[in-house]
Amino acid sequence: MTDKTIEQEFEDEAILAIAAPPARAELLQEAERLTCGDRNAAYGDPVENHQHIADIFNAITGRDLSAREIALLHQATKIARRWHNPGHRDSYVDGMAYTGIEYKCAVAELDR
């Protein structure tokens, strides 16, 4: 067994860094799989679903929240949960997913 030179070690580390996606990319991919796959199939279109949630909330409270505002509330829930338990991976994945849903709701609002 030969000793590696410093250059070889850096090359090996660079290859590993390229081969393994960063954790943030894995979280984003998981959020995409959930919102475009299982959850989309279970709950339907996210804009329609969040508008439905807004309609129910508004009927109960007399408020006038939009689908986008509901997505923001979901994000606030995830932020509060991350504050309490910063190591809970699911809260980060869901937060990323709700950010994407908020964007889709915002675009739908602008298109109206």
C-alpha atoms as a PDB file:
ATOM      1  CA  MET A   1       0.000   0.000   0.000  1.00  0.00           C
ATOM      2  CA  THR A   2       1.412   3.352  -0.981  1.00  0.00           C
ATOM      3  CA  ASP A   3       0.981   6.680   0.728  1.00  0.00           C
ATOM      4  CA  LYS A   4      -1.189   9.112  -1.178  1.00  0.00           C
ATOM      5  CA  THR A   5       0.164  12.496  -2.031  1.00  0.00           C
ATOM      6  CA  ILE A   6      -1.762  15.557  -0.925  1.00  0.00           C
ATOM      7  CA  GLU A   7      -2.788  16.148  -4.554  1.00  0.00           C
ATOM      8  CA  GLN A   8      -4.247  12.639  -4.805  1.00  0.00           C
ATOM      9  CA  GLU A   9      -6.206  13.129  -1.586  1.00  0.00           C
ATOM     10  CA  PHE A  10      -7.698  16.377  -2.885  1.00  0.00           C
ATOM     11  CA  GLU A  11      -8.596  14.660  -6.177  1.00  0.00           C
ATOM     12  CA  ASP A  12     -10.318  11.832  -4.273  1.00  0.00           C
ATOM     13  CA  GLU A  13     -12.267  14.323  -2.149  1.00  0.00           C
ATOM     14  CA  ALA A  14     -13.293  16.281  -5.251  1.00  0.00           C
ATOM     15  CA  ILE A  15     -14.569  13.115  -6.909  1.00  0.00           C
ATOM     16  CA  LEU A  16     -16.592  12.227  -3.818  1.00  0.00           C
ATOM     17  CA  ALA A  17     -18.009  15.741  -3.646  1.00  0.00           C
ATOM     18  CA  ILE A  18     -19.136  15.482  -7.259  1.00  0.00           C
ATOM     19  CA  ALA A  19     -20.524  11.956  -6.844  1.00  0.00           C
ATOM     20  CA  ALA A  20     -22.609  12.663  -3.739  1.00  0.00           C
ATOM     21  CA  PRO A  21     -25.209  15.410  -4.083  1.00  0.00           C
ATOM     22  CA  PRO A  22     -25.249  17.948  -1.259  1.00  0.00           C
ATOM     23  CA  ALA A  23     -27.815  17.377   1.479  1.00  0.00           C
ATOM     24  CA  ARG A  24     -29.838  20.382   0.298  1.00  0.00           C
ATOM     25  CA  ALA A  25     -30.206  18.787  -3.132  1.00  0.00           C
ATOM     26  CA  GLU A  26     -31.384  15.544  -1.575  1.00  0.00           C
ATOM     27  CA  LEU A  27     -33.968  17.459   0.476  1.00  0.00           C
ATOM     28  CA  LEU A  28     -35.197  19.286  -2.626  1.00  0.00           C
ATOM     29  CA  GLN A  29     -35.438  16.032  -4.563  1.00  0.00           C
ATOM     30  CA  GLU A  30     -37.436  14.452  -1.749  1.00  0.00           C
ATOM     31  CA  ALA A  31     -39.767  17.466  -1.629  1.00  0.00           C
ATOM     32  CA  GLU A  32     -40.238  17.187  -5.385  1.00  0.00           C
ATOM     33  CA  ARG A  33     -41.009  13.465  -5.196  1.00  0.00           C
ATOM     34  CA  LEU A  34     -43.589  14.031  -2.486  1.00  0.00           C
ATOM     35  CA  THR A  35     -45.375  17.041  -3.952  1.00  0.00           C
ATOM     36  CA  CYS A  36     -45.305  15.804  -7.536  1.00  0.00           C
ATOM     37  CA  GLY A  37     -45.963  12.173  -6.672  1.00  0.00           C
ATOM     38  CA  ASP A  38     -47.647  10.693  -3.603  1.00  0.00           C
ATOM     39  CA  ARG A  39     -49.116  13.867  -2.156  1.00  0.00           C
ATOM     40  CA  ASN A  40     -50.219  15.214  -5.525  1.00  0.00           C
ATOM     41  CA  ALA A  41     -52.009  11.937  -6.181  1.00  0.00           C
ATOM     42  CA  ALA A  42     -53.580  11.932  -2.712  1.00  0.00           C
ATOM     43  CA  TYR A  43     -54.554  15.610  -2.465  1.00  0.00           C
ATOM     44  CA  GLY A  44     -54.848  16.779  -6.070  1.00  0.00           C
ATOM     45  CA  ASP A  45     -53.500  19.965  -7.611  1.00  0.00           C
ATOM     46  CA  PRO A  46     -51.753  21.972  -4.875  1.00  0.00           C
ATOM     47  CA  VAL A  47     -53.258  25.327  -5.897  1.00  0.00           C
ATOM     48  CA  GLU A  48     -56.775  23.899  -5.889  1.00  0.00           C
ATOM     49  CA  ASN A  49     -56.101  22.085  -2.608  1.00  0.00           C
ATOM     50  CA  HIS A  50     -54.776  25.203  -0.910  1.00  0.00           C
ATOM     51  CA  GLN A  51     -57.669  27.274  -2.241  1.00  0.00           C
ATOM     52  CA  HIS A  52     -60.042  24.685  -0.806  1.00  0.00           C
ATOM     53  CA  ILE A  53     -58.265  24.933   2.562  1.00  0.00           C
ATOM     54  CA  ALA A  54     -58.522  28.743   2.335  1.00  0.00           C
ATOM     55  CA  ASP A  55     -62.237  28.536   1.541  1.00  0.00           C
ATOM     56  CA  ILE A  56     -62.869  26.325   4.578  1.00  0.00           C
ATOM     57  CA  PHE A  57     -60.721  28.507   6.859  1.00  0.00           C
ATOM     58  CA  ASN A  58     -62.410  31.651   5.574  1.00  0.00           C
ATOM     59  CA  ALA A  59     -65.887  30.177   6.138  1.00  0.00           C
ATOM     60  CA  ILE A  60     -64.991  29.292   9.728  1.00  0.00           C
ATOM     61  CA  THR A  61     -63.214  32.540  10.624  1.00  0.00           C
ATOM     62  CA  GLY A  62     -64.791  35.150   8.357  1.00  0.00           C
ATOM     63  CA  ARG A  63     -61.326  35.971   7.004  1.00  0.00           C
ATOM     64  CA  ASP A  64     -60.307  36.210   3.366  1.00  0.00           C
ATOM     65  CA  LEU A  65     -57.028  34.293   3.029  1.00  0.00           C
ATOM     66  CA  SER A  66     -55.784  33.141  -0.362  1.00  0.00           C
ATOM     67  CA  ALA A  67     -54.287  29.816  -1.367  1.00  0.00           C
ATOM     68  CA  ARG A  68     -50.845  31.473  -1.270  1.00  0.00           C
ATOM     69  CA  GLU A  69     -51.414  32.695   2.273  1.00  0.00           C
ATOM     70  CA  ILE A  70     -52.353  29.162   3.336  1.00  0.00           C
ATOM     71  CA  ALA A  71     -49.054  27.926   1.879  1.00  0.00           C
ATOM     72  CA  LEU A  72     -47.298  30.654   3.890  1.00  0.00           C
ATOM     73  CA  LEU A  73     -49.069  29.460   7.046  1.00  0.00           C
ATOM     74  CA  HIS A  74     -47.873  25.927   6.362  1.00  0.00           C
ATOM     75  CA  GLN A  75     -44.334  27.293   6.008  1.00  0.00           C
ATOM     76  CA  ALA A  76     -44.721  29.096   9.346  1.00  0.00           C
ATOM     77  CA  THR A  77     -45.726  25.792  10.934  1.00  0.00           C
ATOM     78  CA  LYS A  78     -42.600  24.126   9.566  1.00  0.00           C
ATOM     79  CA  ILE A  79     -40.386  27.007  10.734  1.00  0.00           C
ATOM     80  CA  ALA A  80     -41.828  26.715  14.253  1.00  0.00           C
ATOM     81  CA  ARG A  81     -41.249  22.967  14.221  1.00  0.00           C
ATOM     82  CA  ARG A  82     -37.656  23.393  13.009  1.00  0.00           C
ATOM     83  CA  TRP A  83     -37.067  25.919  15.768  1.00  0.00           C
ATOM     84  CA  HIS A  84     -38.203  23.354  18.333  1.00  0.00           C
ATOM     85  CA  ASN A  85     -36.446  20.391  16.695  1.00  0.00           C
ATOM     86  CA  PRO A  86     -33.736  21.582  14.278  1.00  0.00           C
ATOM     87  CA  GLY A  87     -32.624  18.054  13.421  1.00  0.00           C
ATOM     88  CA  HIS A  88     -35.998  16.816  12.153  1.00  0.00           C
ATOM     89  CA  ARG A  89     -35.437  16.289   8.438  1.00  0.00           C
ATOM     90  CA  ASP A  90     -39.125  16.081   7.474  1.00  0.00           C
ATOM     91  CA  SER A  91     -39.749  19.671   8.566  1.00  0.00           C
ATOM     92  CA  TYR A  92     -37.110  20.888   6.101  1.00  0.00           C
ATOM     93  CA  VAL A  93     -38.473  18.749   3.264  1.00  0.00           C
ATOM     94  CA  ASP A  94     -42.020  19.947   3.884  1.00  0.00           C
ATOM     95  CA  GLY A  95     -40.850  23.556   4.190  1.00  0.00           C
ATOM     96  CA  MET A  96     -39.213  23.310   0.775  1.00  0.00           C
ATOM     97  CA  ALA A  97     -42.330  21.714  -0.662  1.00  0.00           C
ATOM     98  CA  TYR A  98     -44.580  24.456   0.731  1.00  0.00           C
ATOM     99  CA  THR A  99     -42.275  27.104  -0.720  1.00  0.00           C
ATOM    100  CA  GLY A 100     -42.741  25.513  -4.150  1.00  0.00           C
ATOM    101  CA  ILE A 101     -46.500  25.337  -3.606  1.00  0.00           C
ATOM    102  CA  GLU A 102     -46.547  28.988  -2.541  1.00  0.00           C
ATOM    103  CA  TYR A 103     -44.778  29.909  -5.774  1.00  0.00           C
ATOM    104  CA  LYS A 104     -47.322  27.953  -7.816  1.00  0.00           C
ATOM    105  CA  CYS A 105     -50.159  29.714  -5.941  1.00  0.00           C
ATOM    106  CA  ALA A 106     -48.526  33.124  -6.515  1.00  0.00           C
ATOM    107  CA  VAL A 107     -48.213  32.460 -10.251  1.00  0.00           C
ATOM    108  CA  ALA A 108     -51.852  31.341 -10.390  1.00  0.00           C
ATOM    109  CA  GLU A 109     -52.887  34.570  -8.623  1.00  0.00           C
ATOM    110  CA  LEU A 110     -50.882  36.677 -11.071  1.00  0.00           C
ATOM    111  CA  ASP A 111     -52.414  34.832 -14.037  1.00  0.00           C
ATOM    112  CA  ARG A 112     -55.950  35.717 -12.913  1.00  0.00           C
END
